[in-house]
Amino acid sequence: MKTKASDFDKKFDDGEDITADLDLDNARRPEYEQKRVNVDFPLWMIQSLDREAKRLGVPRQAIIKLWIADRLEKVS
């Protein structure tokens, strides 16, 4: 059963649980969708990334994403 927007808004404003009214299987976060890109790195850079990833216990890709995100936040 669908919920009217006004009823949904009231439940939300009253602090009630609205998760049953959401279609979480089809939920999206605009601008956070993934897109695959290929980047070529010199071998020394990959080795450094791998050492840091191993030290932190995370995959190489996580280090790359974190560092790029950090840099982008600084320049914004």
PDB file of N, CA and C in Angstrom:
ATOM      1  N   MET A   1       0.841  -1.187   0.000  1.00  0.00           N
ATOM      2  CA  MET A   1       0.000   0.000   0.000  1.00  0.00           C
ATOM      3  C   MET A   1       0.879   1.240   0.000  1.00  0.00           C
ATOM      4  N   LYS A   2       0.574   2.172  -0.865  1.00  0.00           N
ATOM      5  CA  LYS A   2       1.342   3.405  -0.956  1.00  0.00           C
ATOM      6  C   LYS A   2       0.896   4.379   0.125  1.00  0.00           C
ATOM      7  N   THR A   3       1.834   5.186   0.549  1.00  0.00           N
ATOM      8  CA  THR A   3       1.569   6.197   1.562  1.00  0.00           C
ATOM      9  C   THR A   3       1.467   7.554   0.893  1.00  0.00           C
ATOM     10  N   LYS A   4       0.512   8.354   1.310  1.00  0.00           N
ATOM     11  CA  LYS A   4       0.396   9.707   0.777  1.00  0.00           C
ATOM     12  C   LYS A   4       1.560  10.539   1.287  1.00  0.00           C
ATOM     13  N   ALA A   5       1.999  11.473   0.477  1.00  0.00           N
ATOM     14  CA  ALA A   5       3.142  12.309   0.836  1.00  0.00           C
ATOM     15  C   ALA A   5       2.916  13.040   2.151  1.00  0.00           C
ATOM     16  N   SER A   6       1.717  13.536   2.362  1.00  0.00           N
ATOM     17  CA  SER A   6       1.454  14.275   3.604  1.00  0.00           C
ATOM     18  C   SER A   6       1.562  13.352   4.823  1.00  0.00           C
ATOM     19  N   ASP A   7       1.090  12.096   4.683  1.00  0.00           N
ATOM     20  CA  ASP A   7       1.200  11.143   5.794  1.00  0.00           C
ATOM     21  C   ASP A   7       2.671  10.769   6.031  1.00  0.00           C
ATOM     22  N   PHE A   8       3.410  10.585   4.950  1.00  0.00           N
ATOM     23  CA  PHE A   8       4.833  10.271   5.048  1.00  0.00           C
ATOM     24  C   PHE A   8       5.575  11.402   5.754  1.00  0.00           C
ATOM     25  N   ASP A   9       5.317  12.644   5.325  1.00  0.00           N
ATOM     26  CA  ASP A   9       5.975  13.801   5.930  1.00  0.00           C
ATOM     27  C   ASP A   9       5.664  13.907   7.414  1.00  0.00           C
ATOM     28  N   LYS A  10       4.411  13.651   7.784  1.00  0.00           N
ATOM     29  CA  LYS A  10       4.017  13.739   9.195  1.00  0.00           C
ATOM     30  C   LYS A  10       4.747  12.680  10.019  1.00  0.00           C
ATOM     31  N   LYS A  11       4.801  11.437   9.493  1.00  0.00           N
ATOM     32  CA  LYS A  11       5.516  10.381  10.204  1.00  0.00           C
ATOM     33  C   LYS A  11       6.981  10.755  10.394  1.00  0.00           C
ATOM     34  N   PHE A  12       7.596  11.288   9.328  1.00  0.00           N
ATOM     35  CA  PHE A  12       9.002  11.690   9.412  1.00  0.00           C
ATOM     36  C   PHE A  12       9.186  12.804  10.439  1.00  0.00           C
ATOM     37  N   ASP A  13       8.345  13.829  10.349  1.00  0.00           N
ATOM     38  CA  ASP A  13       8.447  14.965  11.270  1.00  0.00           C
ATOM     39  C   ASP A  13       8.214  14.551  12.718  1.00  0.00           C
ATOM     40  N   ASP A  14       7.381  13.534  12.933  1.00  0.00           N
ATOM     41  CA  ASP A  14       7.098  13.052  14.288  1.00  0.00           C
ATOM     42  C   ASP A  14       8.147  12.077  14.796  1.00  0.00           C
ATOM     43  N   GLY A  15       9.155  11.789  13.951  1.00  0.00           N
ATOM     44  CA  GLY A  15      10.235  10.902  14.362  1.00  0.00           C
ATOM     45  C   GLY A  15       9.881   9.430  14.298  1.00  0.00           C
ATOM     46  N   GLU A  16       8.820   9.091  13.585  1.00  0.00           N
ATOM     47  CA  GLU A  16       8.419   7.687  13.458  1.00  0.00           C
ATOM     48  C   GLU A  16       9.314   6.971  12.451  1.00  0.00           C
ATOM     49  N   ASP A  17       9.336   5.654  12.525  1.00  0.00           N
ATOM     50  CA  ASP A  17      10.116   4.842  11.595  1.00  0.00           C
ATOM     51  C   ASP A  17       9.414   4.830  10.239  1.00  0.00           C
ATOM     52  N   ILE A  18      10.105   5.318   9.214  1.00  0.00           N
ATOM     53  CA  ILE A  18       9.515   5.408   7.868  1.00  0.00           C
ATOM     54  C   ILE A  18      10.101   4.379   6.909  1.00  0.00           C
ATOM     55  N   THR A  19      10.972   3.498   7.401  1.00  0.00           N
ATOM     56  CA  THR A  19      11.651   2.580   6.489  1.00  0.00           C
ATOM     57  C   THR A  19      10.690   1.656   5.761  1.00  0.00           C
ATOM     58  N   ALA A  20       9.565   1.305   6.371  1.00  0.00           N
ATOM     59  CA  ALA A  20       8.600   0.434   5.691  1.00  0.00           C
ATOM     60  C   ALA A  20       7.974   1.137   4.487  1.00  0.00           C
ATOM     61  N   ASP A  21       8.001   2.449   4.475  1.00  0.00           N
ATOM     62  CA  ASP A  21       7.412   3.222   3.378  1.00  0.00           C
ATOM     63  C   ASP A  21       8.409   3.508   2.251  1.00  0.00           C
ATOM     64  N   LEU A  22       9.652   3.077   2.412  1.00  0.00           N
ATOM     65  CA  LEU A  22      10.680   3.348   1.414  1.00  0.00           C
ATOM     66  C   LEU A  22      10.931   2.130   0.537  1.00  0.00           C
ATOM     67  N   ASP A  23      11.252   2.370  -0.715  1.00  0.00           N
ATOM     68  CA  ASP A  23      11.625   1.304  -1.642  1.00  0.00           C
ATOM     69  C   ASP A  23      13.151   1.240  -1.674  1.00  0.00           C
ATOM     70  N   LEU A  24      13.737   0.589  -0.673  1.00  0.00           N
ATOM     71  CA  LEU A  24      15.181   0.572  -0.519  1.00  0.00           C
ATOM     72  C   LEU A  24      15.883  -0.238  -1.603  1.00  0.00           C
ATOM     73  N   ASP A  25      15.170  -1.163  -2.243  1.00  0.00           N
ATOM     74  CA  ASP A  25      15.782  -1.941  -3.328  1.00  0.00           C
ATOM     75  C   ASP A  25      16.112  -1.083  -4.536  1.00  0.00           C
ATOM     76  N   ASN A  26      15.392   0.003  -4.709  1.00  0.00           N
ATOM     77  CA  ASN A  26      15.617   0.871  -5.866  1.00  0.00           C
ATOM     78  C   ASN A  26      16.167   2.238  -5.480  1.00  0.00           C
ATOM     79  N   ALA A  27      16.620   2.379  -4.242  1.00  0.00           N
ATOM     80  CA  ALA A  27      17.154   3.663  -3.781  1.00  0.00           C
ATOM     81  C   ALA A  27      18.487   3.941  -4.469  1.00  0.00           C
ATOM     82  N   ARG A  28      18.728   5.204  -4.802  1.00  0.00           N
ATOM     83  CA  ARG A  28      19.981   5.616  -5.429  1.00  0.00           C
ATOM     84  C   ARG A  28      20.482   6.855  -4.723  1.00  0.00           C
ATOM     85  N   ARG A  29      21.774   7.062  -4.812  1.00  0.00           N
ATOM     86  CA  ARG A  29      22.394   8.283  -4.306  1.00  0.00           C
ATOM     87  C   ARG A  29      22.983   9.006  -5.510  1.00  0.00           C
ATOM     88  N   PRO A  30      22.261   9.981  -6.056  1.00  0.00           N
ATOM     89  CA  PRO A  30      22.763  10.689  -7.238  1.00  0.00           C
ATOM     90  C   PRO A  30      24.176  11.215  -7.008  1.00  0.00           C
ATOM     91  N   GLU A  31      24.972  11.153  -8.017  1.00  0.00           N
ATOM     92  CA  GLU A  31      26.366  11.571  -8.040  1.00  0.00           C
ATOM     93  C   GLU A  31      27.286  10.678  -7.212  1.00  0.00           C
ATOM     94  N   TYR A  32      26.762   9.630  -6.602  1.00  0.00           N
ATOM     95  CA  TYR A  32      27.594   8.669  -5.884  1.00  0.00           C
ATOM     96  C   TYR A  32      27.604   7.311  -6.577  1.00  0.00           C
ATOM     97  N   GLU A  33      26.977   7.238  -7.744  1.00  0.00           N
ATOM     98  CA  GLU A  33      26.998   5.995  -8.505  1.00  0.00           C
ATOM     99  C   GLU A  33      28.421   5.754  -9.001  1.00  0.00           C
ATOM    100  N   GLN A  34      28.777   4.498  -9.110  1.00  0.00           N
ATOM    101  CA  GLN A  34      30.133   4.134  -9.502  1.00  0.00           C
ATOM    102  C   GLN A  34      30.295   4.174 -11.022  1.00  0.00           C
ATOM    103  N   LYS A  35      31.463   4.586 -11.467  1.00  0.00           N
ATOM    104  CA  LYS A  35      31.834   4.533 -12.878  1.00  0.00           C
ATOM    105  C   LYS A  35      33.271   4.048 -12.934  1.00  0.00           C
ATOM    106  N   ARG A  36      33.508   3.040 -13.714  1.00  0.00           N
ATOM    107  CA  ARG A  36      34.840   2.459 -13.825  1.00  0.00           C
ATOM    108  C   ARG A  36      35.718   3.330 -14.711  1.00  0.00           C
ATOM    109  N   VAL A  37      36.942   3.578 -14.244  1.00  0.00           N
ATOM    110  CA  VAL A  37      37.947   4.285 -15.038  1.00  0.00           C
ATOM    111  C   VAL A  37      39.252   3.502 -14.965  1.00  0.00           C
ATOM    112  N   ASN A  38      40.048   3.616 -15.983  1.00  0.00           N
ATOM    113  CA  ASN A  38      41.356   2.961 -16.007  1.00  0.00           C
ATOM    114  C   ASN A  38      42.442   4.018 -15.909  1.00  0.00           C
ATOM    115  N   VAL A  39      43.380   3.787 -15.030  1.00  0.00           N
ATOM    116  CA  VAL A  39      44.498   4.712 -14.835  1.00  0.00           C
ATOM    117  C   VAL A  39      45.782   3.898 -14.834  1.00  0.00           C
ATOM    118  N   ASP A  40      46.759   4.349 -15.570  1.00  0.00           N
ATOM    119  CA  ASP A  40      48.063   3.689 -15.580  1.00  0.00           C
ATOM    120  C   ASP A  40      48.982   4.405 -14.595  1.00  0.00           C
ATOM    121  N   PHE A  41      49.574   3.628 -13.683  1.00  0.00           N
ATOM    122  CA  PHE A  41      50.504   4.161 -12.699  1.00  0.00           C
ATOM    123  C   PHE A  41      51.880   3.562 -12.940  1.00  0.00           C
ATOM    124  N   PRO A  42      52.942   4.313 -12.661  1.00  0.00           N
ATOM    125  CA  PRO A  42      54.274   3.715 -12.727  1.00  0.00           C
ATOM    126  C   PRO A  42      54.416   2.645 -11.635  1.00  0.00           C
ATOM    127  N   LEU A  43      55.282   1.689 -11.878  1.00  0.00           N
ATOM    128  CA  LEU A  43      55.464   0.572 -10.959  1.00  0.00           C
ATOM    129  C   LEU A  43      55.818   1.030  -9.551  1.00  0.00           C
ATOM    130  N   TRP A  44      56.702   2.022  -9.421  1.00  0.00           N
ATOM    131  CA  TRP A  44      57.086   2.483  -8.083  1.00  0.00           C
ATOM    132  C   TRP A  44      55.879   2.994  -7.298  1.00  0.00           C
ATOM    133  N   MET A  45      54.923   3.628  -8.006  1.00  0.00           N
ATOM    134  CA  MET A  45      53.742   4.167  -7.350  1.00  0.00           C
ATOM    135  C   MET A  45      52.831   3.033  -6.871  1.00  0.00           C
ATOM    136  N   ILE A  46      52.671   2.012  -7.686  1.00  0.00           N
ATOM    137  CA  ILE A  46      51.858   0.861  -7.309  1.00  0.00           C
ATOM    138  C   ILE A  46      52.469   0.164  -6.096  1.00  0.00           C
ATOM    139  N   GLN A  47      53.787   0.021  -6.097  1.00  0.00           N
ATOM    140  CA  GLN A  47      54.446  -0.617  -4.959  1.00  0.00           C
ATOM    141  C   GLN A  47      54.246   0.199  -3.679  1.00  0.00           C
ATOM    142  N   SER A  48      54.335   1.506  -3.790  1.00  0.00           N
ATOM    143  CA  SER A  48      54.106   2.367  -2.615  1.00  0.00           C
ATOM    144  C   SER A  48      52.655   2.281  -2.144  1.00  0.00           C
ATOM    145  N   LEU A  49      51.735   2.287  -3.091  1.00  0.00           N
ATOM    146  CA  LEU A  49      50.316   2.148  -2.743  1.00  0.00           C
ATOM    147  C   LEU A  49      50.056   0.816  -2.041  1.00  0.00           C
ATOM    148  N   ASP A  50      50.648  -0.243  -2.573  1.00  0.00           N
ATOM    149  CA  ASP A  50      50.452  -1.565  -1.977  1.00  0.00           C
ATOM    150  C   ASP A  50      51.022  -1.649  -0.565  1.00  0.00           C
ATOM    151  N   ARG A  51      52.172  -1.038  -0.347  1.00  0.00           N
ATOM    152  CA  ARG A  51      52.758  -1.038   1.003  1.00  0.00           C
ATOM    153  C   ARG A  51      51.846  -0.310   1.986  1.00  0.00           C
ATOM    154  N   GLU A  52      51.349   0.848   1.576  1.00  0.00           N
ATOM    155  CA  GLU A  52      50.468   1.624   2.456  1.00  0.00           C
ATOM    156  C   GLU A  52      49.145   0.894   2.681  1.00  0.00           C
ATOM    157  N   ALA A  53      48.599   0.282   1.640  1.00  0.00           N
ATOM    158  CA  ALA A  53      47.354  -0.476   1.774  1.00  0.00           C
ATOM    159  C   ALA A  53      47.540  -1.648   2.734  1.00  0.00           C
ATOM    160  N   LYS A  54      48.658  -2.336   2.617  1.00  0.00           N
ATOM    161  CA  LYS A  54      48.941  -3.466   3.498  1.00  0.00           C
ATOM    162  C   LYS A  54      49.092  -2.991   4.942  1.00  0.00           C
ATOM    163  N   ARG A  55      49.785  -1.872   5.124  1.00  0.00           N
ATOM    164  CA  ARG A  55      49.983  -1.319   6.464  1.00  0.00           C
ATOM    165  C   ARG A  55      48.644  -0.989   7.126  1.00  0.00           C
ATOM    166  N   LEU A  56      47.721  -0.463   6.331  1.00  0.00           N
ATOM    167  CA  LEU A  56      46.408  -0.082   6.855  1.00  0.00           C
ATOM    168  C   LEU A  56      45.395  -1.228   6.833  1.00  0.00           C
ATOM    169  N   GLY A  57      45.733  -2.304   6.130  1.00  0.00           N
ATOM    170  CA  GLY A  57      44.821  -3.443   6.047  1.00  0.00           C
ATOM    171  C   GLY A  57      43.611  -3.197   5.178  1.00  0.00           C
ATOM    172  N   VAL A  58      43.815  -2.438   4.108  1.00  0.00           N
ATOM    173  CA  VAL A  58      42.719  -2.144   3.175  1.00  0.00           C
ATOM    174  C   VAL A  58      43.193  -2.430   1.752  1.00  0.00           C
ATOM    175  N   PRO A  59      42.268  -2.568   0.803  1.00  0.00           N
ATOM    176  CA  PRO A  59      42.674  -2.783  -0.593  1.00  0.00           C
ATOM    177  C   PRO A  59      43.316  -1.528  -1.194  1.00  0.00           C
ATOM    178  N   ARG A  60      44.121  -1.732  -2.204  1.00  0.00           N
ATOM    179  CA  ARG A  60      44.773  -0.630  -2.918  1.00  0.00           C
ATOM    180  C   ARG A  60      43.749   0.402  -3.383  1.00  0.00           C
ATOM    181  N   GLN A  61      42.635  -0.076  -3.913  1.00  0.00           N
ATOM    182  CA  GLN A  61      41.614   0.827  -4.443  1.00  0.00           C
ATOM    183  C   GLN A  61      41.085   1.779  -3.362  1.00  0.00           C
ATOM    184  N   ALA A  62      40.992   1.297  -2.130  1.00  0.00           N
ATOM    185  CA  ALA A  62      40.504   2.140  -1.045  1.00  0.00           C
ATOM    186  C   ALA A  62      41.453   3.303  -0.788  1.00  0.00           C
ATOM    187  N   ILE A  63      42.752   3.025  -0.820  1.00  0.00           N
ATOM    188  CA  ILE A  63      43.749   4.084  -0.632  1.00  0.00           C
ATOM    189  C   ILE A  63      43.635   5.125  -1.742  1.00  0.00           C
ATOM    190  N   ILE A  64      43.534   4.659  -2.962  1.00  0.00           N
ATOM    191  CA  ILE A  64      43.453   5.576  -4.101  1.00  0.00           C
ATOM    192  C   ILE A  64      42.211   6.457  -3.976  1.00  0.00           C
ATOM    193  N   LYS A  65      41.063   5.860  -3.686  1.00  0.00           N
ATOM    194  CA  LYS A  65      39.819   6.632  -3.556  1.00  0.00           C
ATOM    195  C   LYS A  65      39.914   7.644  -2.419  1.00  0.00           C
ATOM    196  N   LEU A  66      40.444   7.205  -1.294  1.00  0.00           N
ATOM    197  CA  LEU A  66      40.546   8.084  -0.130  1.00  0.00           C
ATOM    198  C   LEU A  66      41.446   9.275  -0.421  1.00  0.00           C
ATOM    199  N   TRP A  67      42.611   9.019  -0.992  1.00  0.00           N
ATOM    200  CA  TRP A  67      43.549  10.109  -1.263  1.00  0.00           C
ATOM    201  C   TRP A  67      43.020  11.068  -2.323  1.00  0.00           C
ATOM    202  N   ILE A  68      42.370  10.545  -3.335  1.00  0.00           N
ATOM    203  CA  ILE A  68      41.809  11.431  -4.366  1.00  0.00           C
ATOM    204  C   ILE A  68      40.670  12.264  -3.778  1.00  0.00           C
ATOM    205  N   ALA A  69      39.808  11.635  -2.998  1.00  0.00           N
ATOM    206  CA  ALA A  69      38.700  12.367  -2.372  1.00  0.00           C
ATOM    207  C   ALA A  69      39.229  13.464  -1.452  1.00  0.00           C
ATOM    208  N   ASP A  70      40.268  13.148  -0.683  1.00  0.00           N
ATOM    209  CA  ASP A  70      40.869  14.126   0.221  1.00  0.00           C
ATOM    210  C   ASP A  70      41.411  15.320  -0.569  1.00  0.00           C
ATOM    211  N   ARG A  71      42.097  15.042  -1.639  1.00  0.00           N
ATOM    212  CA  ARG A  71      42.675  16.105  -2.457  1.00  0.00           C
ATOM    213  C   ARG A  71      41.585  16.952  -3.097  1.00  0.00           C
ATOM    214  N   LEU A  72      40.532  16.320  -3.590  1.00  0.00           N
ATOM    215  CA  LEU A  72      39.437  17.060  -4.223  1.00  0.00           C
ATOM    216  C   LEU A  72      38.716  17.960  -3.225  1.00  0.00           C
ATOM    217  N   GLU A  73      38.574  17.498  -1.987  1.00  0.00           N
ATOM    218  CA  GLU A  73      37.949  18.332  -0.955  1.00  0.00           C
ATOM    219  C   GLU A  73      38.801  19.562  -0.670  1.00  0.00           C
ATOM    220  N   LYS A  74      40.126  19.384  -0.682  1.00  0.00           N
ATOM    221  CA  LYS A  74      41.013  20.510  -0.399  1.00  0.00           C
ATOM    222  C   LYS A  74      40.977  21.581  -1.492  1.00  0.00           C
ATOM    223  N   VAL A  75      40.801  21.171  -2.730  1.00  0.00           N
ATOM    224  CA  VAL A  75      40.804  22.146  -3.823  1.00  0.00           C
ATOM    225  C   VAL A  75      39.419  22.727  -4.097  1.00  0.00           C
ATOM    226  N   SER A  76      38.404  22.193  -3.465  1.00  0.00           N
ATOM    227  CA  SER A  76      37.036  22.707  -3.691  1.00  0.00           C
ATOM    228  C   SER A  76      36.766  23.934  -2.839  1.00  0.00           C
TER     229      SER A  76
END
